[in-house]
Amino acid sequence: MKNKVAFQQVDVFTTKPYRGNPVAVVMDGDQLTTQQMQQIANWCHLSETTFVCSPTNSQADYRLRIFSPQHELPFAGHPTIGSAKAVLNSGLIPKNKDYLVQECGKGLVKIYIKRDQLFLTLPQPQKKVVSPELLKDISKYIGFSDKEIKLSEIIDVGAVWVTLQLKNDQQVLNLNPNFGELGKALPAGITGVTVFGEKAAKENTDFEVRSFVPNEGVTEDPVCGSGNGCVAIMIKDHKLLSKNDYTVSQGQKLGRAGRVRVYLDKNGEILVGGQAISCISGDILLPLSE
């Protein structure tokens, strides 16, 4: 058995290296145990680390296991885009020329290849109402009044986000969460809180988004695919925009300049994506079995 495997670190949702959200992608994941995967993810200490494995479904090009520093996740957005970029870089030829099919804990996810951009199809969401008590706690620990929330929903796309619309982008940027208390307030099974606000003066983007994840080993996700997917569901369901595509900016408070493109397809599909750049490639040593 080899003692090292191929590795890439891919910056996602950016055209400029080191300005998006990085994901660590480990190839040949079949060689690792779940414990070793979690150990590597904890060491990388990015919002997610992924492991590319052989598919068990004949329709899939590969199977992806996704880990935060603390837990395995059934699905996440920016790791899906970044891992798709990595497998294409490694020479994988898709079974279908226009898209990849990823197998993960949430099932099969289609990733369209559109020139230099990749777009995932959002898994079928499940929605719940946010209780007044939880809304009050979240508002208190993130730093606004619950009366300032325009819309609120719990949306499950594999990752589960309490998704909140605030009145504008400046309110989103001004938030200063108490991550310790916010983490205690979130019920088990909730990934975190994603907030969004429409841009008052639209230049290159339409919305500002932030995603807070105090219980996953990081506090704020720089540019979040699944969180933006939940925002897209709210925009579509509540008809917040008259057009069928828009651009989100995310990461400004962390020194990033993430850009997420969203398309509301006529067939009802939501496509979330953008560009990705491989910034590091090489080998990673496998952890010793304990």
Protein backbone atom coordinates (compact mmCIF):
# COMPACT_ATOMS: atom_id res chain seq x y z
CA MET A 1 0.00 0.00 0.00
CA LYS A 2 1.24 3.49 -0.85
CA ASN A 3 2.10 5.82 2.03
CA LYS A 4 1.07 8.96 0.15
CA VAL A 5 -1.60 10.02 -2.35
CA ALA A 6 -2.17 12.93 -4.73
CA PHE A 7 -3.46 16.17 -3.23
CA GLN A 8 -4.75 19.49 -4.54
CA GLN A 9 -5.89 22.64 -2.79
CA VAL A 10 -8.43 24.44 -4.95
CA ASP A 11 -9.65 28.01 -4.46
CA VAL A 12 -13.37 28.14 -5.25
CA PHE A 13 -15.69 30.96 -6.37
CA THR A 14 -12.91 33.26 -7.50
CA THR A 15 -10.95 34.28 -10.60
CA LYS A 16 -7.98 35.37 -8.45
CA PRO A 17 -5.90 32.88 -6.44
CA TYR A 18 -6.26 33.14 -2.64
CA ARG A 19 -9.38 35.35 -2.79
CA GLY A 20 -12.08 32.65 -2.68
CA ASN A 21 -12.72 29.65 -0.44
CA PRO A 22 -10.11 26.86 -0.47
CA VAL A 23 -10.93 23.16 -0.29
CA ALA A 24 -8.37 20.41 0.25
CA VAL A 25 -8.95 17.53 -2.18
CA VAL A 26 -7.33 14.15 -1.52
CA MET A 27 -7.33 11.73 -4.45
CA ASP A 28 -7.35 7.90 -4.06
CA GLY A 29 -9.60 8.15 -1.03
CA ASP A 30 -10.32 4.41 -1.18
CA GLN A 31 -7.00 3.86 0.61
CA LEU A 32 -8.04 5.72 3.75
CA THR A 33 -10.25 4.79 6.67
CA THR A 34 -12.94 7.18 7.92
CA GLN A 35 -10.77 7.89 10.97
CA GLN A 36 -7.81 8.81 8.76
CA MET A 37 -10.01 11.07 6.64
CA GLN A 38 -11.24 12.92 9.71
CA GLN A 39 -7.68 13.22 11.01
CA ILE A 40 -6.50 14.81 7.73
CA ALA A 41 -9.52 17.16 7.66
CA ASN A 42 -8.82 18.26 11.22
CA TRP A 43 -5.16 18.89 10.31
CA CYS A 44 -5.97 20.82 7.11
CA HIS A 45 -8.43 22.87 9.19
CA LEU A 46 -10.24 24.33 6.21
CA SER A 47 -14.02 24.58 6.23
CA GLU A 48 -13.99 21.29 4.27
CA THR A 49 -11.59 18.59 3.07
CA THR A 50 -12.76 16.04 0.50
CA PHE A 51 -11.73 12.54 -0.51
CA VAL A 52 -12.30 11.28 -4.05
CA CYS A 53 -13.32 7.60 -4.03
CA SER A 54 -14.54 4.99 -6.50
CA PRO A 55 -18.28 5.30 -7.18
CA THR A 56 -20.76 2.64 -6.11
CA ASN A 57 -23.41 3.94 -8.52
CA SER A 58 -22.79 3.21 -12.22
CA GLN A 59 -24.10 6.67 -13.21
CA ALA A 60 -21.47 8.49 -11.15
CA ASP A 61 -18.01 9.57 -12.28
CA TYR A 62 -16.70 9.42 -8.70
CA ARG A 63 -17.84 9.28 -5.07
CA LEU A 64 -16.98 12.18 -2.77
CA ARG A 65 -16.67 12.10 1.01
CA ILE A 66 -16.73 15.53 2.61
CA PHE A 67 -15.40 16.43 6.08
CA SER A 68 -15.34 19.59 8.16
CA PRO A 69 -12.61 19.65 10.85
CA GLN A 70 -15.16 18.01 13.17
CA HIS A 71 -17.70 15.96 11.17
CA GLU A 72 -18.46 14.17 7.92
CA LEU A 73 -21.07 16.01 5.81
CA PRO A 74 -23.50 14.45 3.31
CA PHE A 75 -23.14 17.41 0.91
CA ALA A 76 -21.50 20.81 0.66
CA GLY A 77 -21.35 23.27 -2.21
CA HIS A 78 -17.87 24.75 -2.54
CA PRO A 79 -16.19 21.34 -1.93
CA THR A 80 -18.32 19.90 -4.74
CA ILE A 81 -17.16 22.60 -7.18
CA GLY A 82 -13.53 22.44 -6.01
CA SER A 83 -13.38 18.64 -6.15
CA ALA A 84 -14.88 18.64 -9.65
CA LYS A 85 -12.10 21.02 -10.71
CA ALA A 86 -9.51 18.73 -9.11
CA VAL A 87 -10.74 15.53 -10.81
CA LEU A 88 -10.79 17.28 -14.18
CA ASN A 89 -7.25 18.57 -13.52
CA SER A 90 -6.18 15.02 -12.70
CA GLY A 91 -7.29 13.80 -16.13
CA LEU A 92 -10.66 12.20 -15.38
CA ILE A 93 -12.81 12.03 -18.52
CA PRO A 94 -16.52 12.47 -17.67
CA LYS A 95 -19.00 9.84 -18.83
CA ASN A 96 -21.04 12.73 -20.26
CA LYS A 97 -19.17 15.50 -22.09
CA ASP A 98 -21.25 18.37 -20.63
CA TYR A 99 -21.35 17.37 -16.99
CA LEU A 100 -19.90 15.31 -14.16
CA VAL A 101 -21.98 13.18 -11.79
CA GLN A 102 -20.83 13.14 -8.17
CA GLU A 103 -22.04 10.49 -5.74
CA CYS A 104 -22.16 11.69 -2.12
CA GLY A 105 -24.15 11.25 1.07
CA LYS A 106 -27.03 13.25 -0.42
CA GLY A 107 -27.19 11.05 -3.53
CA LEU A 108 -26.16 11.97 -7.07
CA VAL A 109 -25.23 15.58 -7.88
CA LYS A 110 -24.83 16.79 -11.47
CA ILE A 111 -22.08 19.36 -12.10
CA TYR A 112 -22.28 21.17 -15.43
CA ILE A 113 -19.08 22.15 -17.22
CA LYS A 114 -19.58 25.57 -18.84
CA ARG A 115 -16.28 26.76 -20.35
CA ASP A 116 -14.15 27.83 -17.37
CA GLN A 117 -17.00 27.60 -14.84
CA LEU A 118 -18.63 24.71 -12.98
CA PHE A 119 -22.25 24.67 -11.78
CA LEU A 120 -23.77 22.13 -9.41
CA THR A 121 -27.45 21.23 -9.42
CA LEU A 122 -28.79 21.80 -5.96
CA PRO A 123 -30.19 18.70 -4.20
CA GLN A 124 -33.94 18.71 -3.54
CA PRO A 125 -34.43 20.91 -0.46
CA GLN A 126 -36.50 20.31 2.66
CA LYS A 127 -37.79 23.33 4.55
CA LYS A 128 -38.91 24.01 8.12
CA VAL A 129 -40.14 27.04 10.01
CA VAL A 130 -37.70 28.73 12.39
CA SER A 131 -39.21 28.84 15.88
CA PRO A 132 -39.60 32.31 17.45
CA GLU A 133 -37.34 31.22 20.34
CA LEU A 134 -34.50 30.16 18.02
CA LEU A 135 -34.91 33.29 15.92
CA LYS A 136 -34.66 35.45 19.03
CA ASP A 137 -31.49 33.68 20.20
CA ILE A 138 -29.82 33.84 16.77
CA SER A 139 -30.66 37.54 16.46
CA LYS A 140 -29.22 38.28 19.89
CA TYR A 141 -25.94 36.44 19.31
CA ILE A 142 -25.37 37.64 15.73
CA GLY A 143 -26.21 41.26 16.49
CA PHE A 144 -29.57 42.47 15.21
CA SER A 145 -33.20 42.59 16.31
CA ASP A 146 -35.41 39.69 15.22
CA LYS A 147 -37.83 42.40 14.00
CA GLU A 148 -35.24 43.36 11.34
CA ILE A 149 -35.50 39.92 9.65
CA LYS A 150 -37.51 40.06 6.44
CA LEU A 151 -37.64 36.27 5.83
CA SER A 152 -36.49 33.22 7.76
CA GLU A 153 -36.44 29.47 7.01
CA ILE A 154 -34.50 26.34 7.93
CA ILE A 155 -33.44 24.77 4.63
CA ASP A 156 -31.88 21.33 4.29
CA VAL A 157 -29.87 20.62 1.12
CA GLY A 158 -27.60 18.08 2.83
CA ALA A 159 -26.09 20.92 4.84
CA VAL A 160 -28.83 22.51 6.99
CA TRP A 161 -28.89 26.30 7.18
CA VAL A 162 -31.02 28.71 9.16
CA THR A 163 -31.38 31.17 6.28
CA LEU A 164 -32.26 34.81 7.01
CA GLN A 165 -32.94 37.77 4.75
CA LEU A 166 -31.93 41.12 6.25
CA LYS A 167 -32.90 44.52 4.91
CA ASN A 168 -29.70 45.25 2.91
CA ASP A 169 -26.07 44.34 2.28
CA GLN A 170 -24.66 46.83 4.77
CA GLN A 171 -26.57 45.25 7.61
CA VAL A 172 -25.07 41.89 6.61
CA LEU A 173 -21.54 43.32 6.51
CA ASN A 174 -21.93 45.07 9.87
CA LEU A 175 -22.72 41.87 11.80
CA ASN A 176 -20.31 40.89 14.58
CA PRO A 177 -21.45 37.49 15.93
CA ASN A 178 -20.74 36.06 19.36
CA PHE A 179 -19.71 32.67 17.97
CA GLY A 180 -19.47 30.93 21.34
CA GLU A 181 -23.05 31.74 22.32
CA LEU A 182 -24.35 31.24 18.79
CA GLY A 183 -22.88 27.74 18.73
CA LYS A 184 -24.64 26.86 21.99
CA ALA A 185 -27.97 28.21 20.68
CA LEU A 186 -28.01 26.14 17.48
CA PRO A 187 -29.87 22.82 17.79
CA ALA A 188 -28.17 19.54 16.85
CA GLY A 189 -28.37 18.91 13.12
CA ILE A 190 -28.12 22.58 12.11
CA THR A 191 -24.96 23.34 10.12
CA GLY A 192 -25.07 27.08 10.73
CA VAL A 193 -26.70 30.40 9.87
CA THR A 194 -26.58 32.07 6.44
CA VAL A 195 -27.69 35.70 6.15
CA PHE A 196 -28.19 37.73 3.00
CA GLY A 197 -29.19 41.23 1.99
CA GLU A 198 -29.88 42.86 -1.35
CA LYS A 199 -27.34 45.40 -2.61
CA ALA A 200 -28.64 48.94 -2.34
CA ALA A 201 -26.52 50.04 -5.30
CA LYS A 202 -25.99 47.07 -7.62
CA GLU A 203 -22.64 47.18 -9.37
CA ASN A 204 -21.25 43.74 -10.19
CA THR A 205 -23.26 41.76 -7.64
CA ASP A 206 -26.88 41.61 -6.50
CA PHE A 207 -26.65 40.27 -2.92
CA GLU A 208 -24.18 40.12 -0.02
CA VAL A 209 -24.05 36.80 1.87
CA ARG A 210 -22.33 35.58 5.05
CA SER A 211 -22.38 32.05 6.50
CA PHE A 212 -21.62 31.35 10.18
CA VAL A 213 -20.62 27.83 11.30
CA PRO A 214 -19.49 27.97 14.95
CA ASN A 215 -19.83 24.21 15.59
CA GLU A 216 -17.90 22.86 12.60
CA GLY A 217 -14.36 23.84 13.60
CA VAL A 218 -14.44 27.20 11.78
CA THR A 219 -16.49 30.26 12.66
CA GLU A 220 -17.31 31.81 9.28
CA ASP A 221 -17.26 30.06 5.91
CA PRO A 222 -15.55 32.48 3.47
CA VAL A 223 -17.70 31.64 0.40
CA CYS A 224 -20.37 29.00 0.88
CA GLY A 225 -22.00 26.97 -1.91
CA SER A 226 -24.72 25.23 0.11
CA GLY A 227 -25.53 28.43 2.01
CA ASN A 228 -25.91 30.26 -1.29
CA GLY A 229 -28.08 27.39 -2.52
CA CYS A 230 -30.44 27.99 0.40
CA VAL A 231 -30.47 31.72 -0.38
CA ALA A 232 -31.33 30.85 -4.00
CA ILE A 233 -34.26 28.71 -2.83
CA MET A 234 -35.66 31.64 -0.84
CA ILE A 235 -35.13 34.06 -3.73
CA LYS A 236 -36.92 31.68 -6.10
CA ASP A 237 -39.78 30.68 -3.79
CA HIS A 238 -40.50 34.22 -2.59
CA LYS A 239 -39.91 35.83 -6.02
CA LEU A 240 -37.34 38.31 -4.69
CA LEU A 241 -35.90 38.97 -8.16
CA SER A 242 -37.54 39.45 -11.55
CA LYS A 243 -34.57 37.95 -13.45
CA ASN A 244 -33.46 34.30 -13.58
CA ASP A 245 -29.77 34.74 -12.81
CA TYR A 246 -27.79 36.79 -10.36
CA THR A 247 -24.38 37.14 -8.69
CA VAL A 248 -23.52 37.10 -5.00
CA SER A 249 -20.48 38.57 -3.26
CA GLN A 250 -19.20 36.86 -0.12
CA GLY A 251 -16.05 36.89 2.00
CA GLN A 252 -15.32 40.61 2.23
CA LYS A 253 -15.11 40.52 6.04
CA LEU A 254 -12.46 37.76 5.79
CA GLY A 255 -10.34 39.49 3.16
CA ARG A 256 -11.79 37.44 0.29
CA ALA A 257 -13.59 38.46 -2.88
CA GLY A 258 -15.83 35.48 -3.59
CA ARG A 259 -18.28 35.54 -6.49
CA VAL A 260 -21.08 32.99 -6.77
CA ARG A 261 -23.22 32.75 -9.91
CA VAL A 262 -26.77 31.42 -9.60
CA TYR A 263 -29.17 30.41 -12.37
CA LEU A 264 -32.84 29.67 -11.77
CA ASP A 265 -33.46 27.20 -14.57
CA LYS A 266 -36.82 27.13 -16.39
CA ASN A 267 -37.20 23.46 -15.49
CA GLY A 268 -37.09 24.37 -11.81
CA GLU A 269 -33.42 23.42 -11.23
CA ILE A 270 -31.18 25.78 -9.29
CA LEU A 271 -27.59 25.95 -10.56
CA VAL A 272 -24.93 27.31 -8.19
CA GLY A 273 -21.34 27.78 -9.30
CA GLY A 274 -18.52 29.88 -10.59
CA GLN A 275 -14.82 29.60 -11.24
CA ALA A 276 -12.16 27.65 -9.38
CA ILE A 277 -8.35 27.68 -9.44
CA SER A 278 -5.97 24.95 -8.28
CA CYS A 279 -3.38 26.73 -6.09
CA ILE A 280 -1.44 23.78 -4.60
CA SER A 281 -0.77 20.31 -5.97
CA GLY A 282 1.46 17.47 -4.87
CA ASP A 283 1.28 14.51 -2.49
CA ILE A 284 -0.02 14.12 1.04
CA LEU A 285 1.29 11.52 3.51
CA LEU A 286 -1.28 9.07 4.83
CA PRO A 287 -1.73 9.11 8.61
CA LEU A 288 -0.42 6.10 10.50
CA SER A 289 -3.16 3.73 11.69
CA GLU A 290 -3.63 4.01 15.44
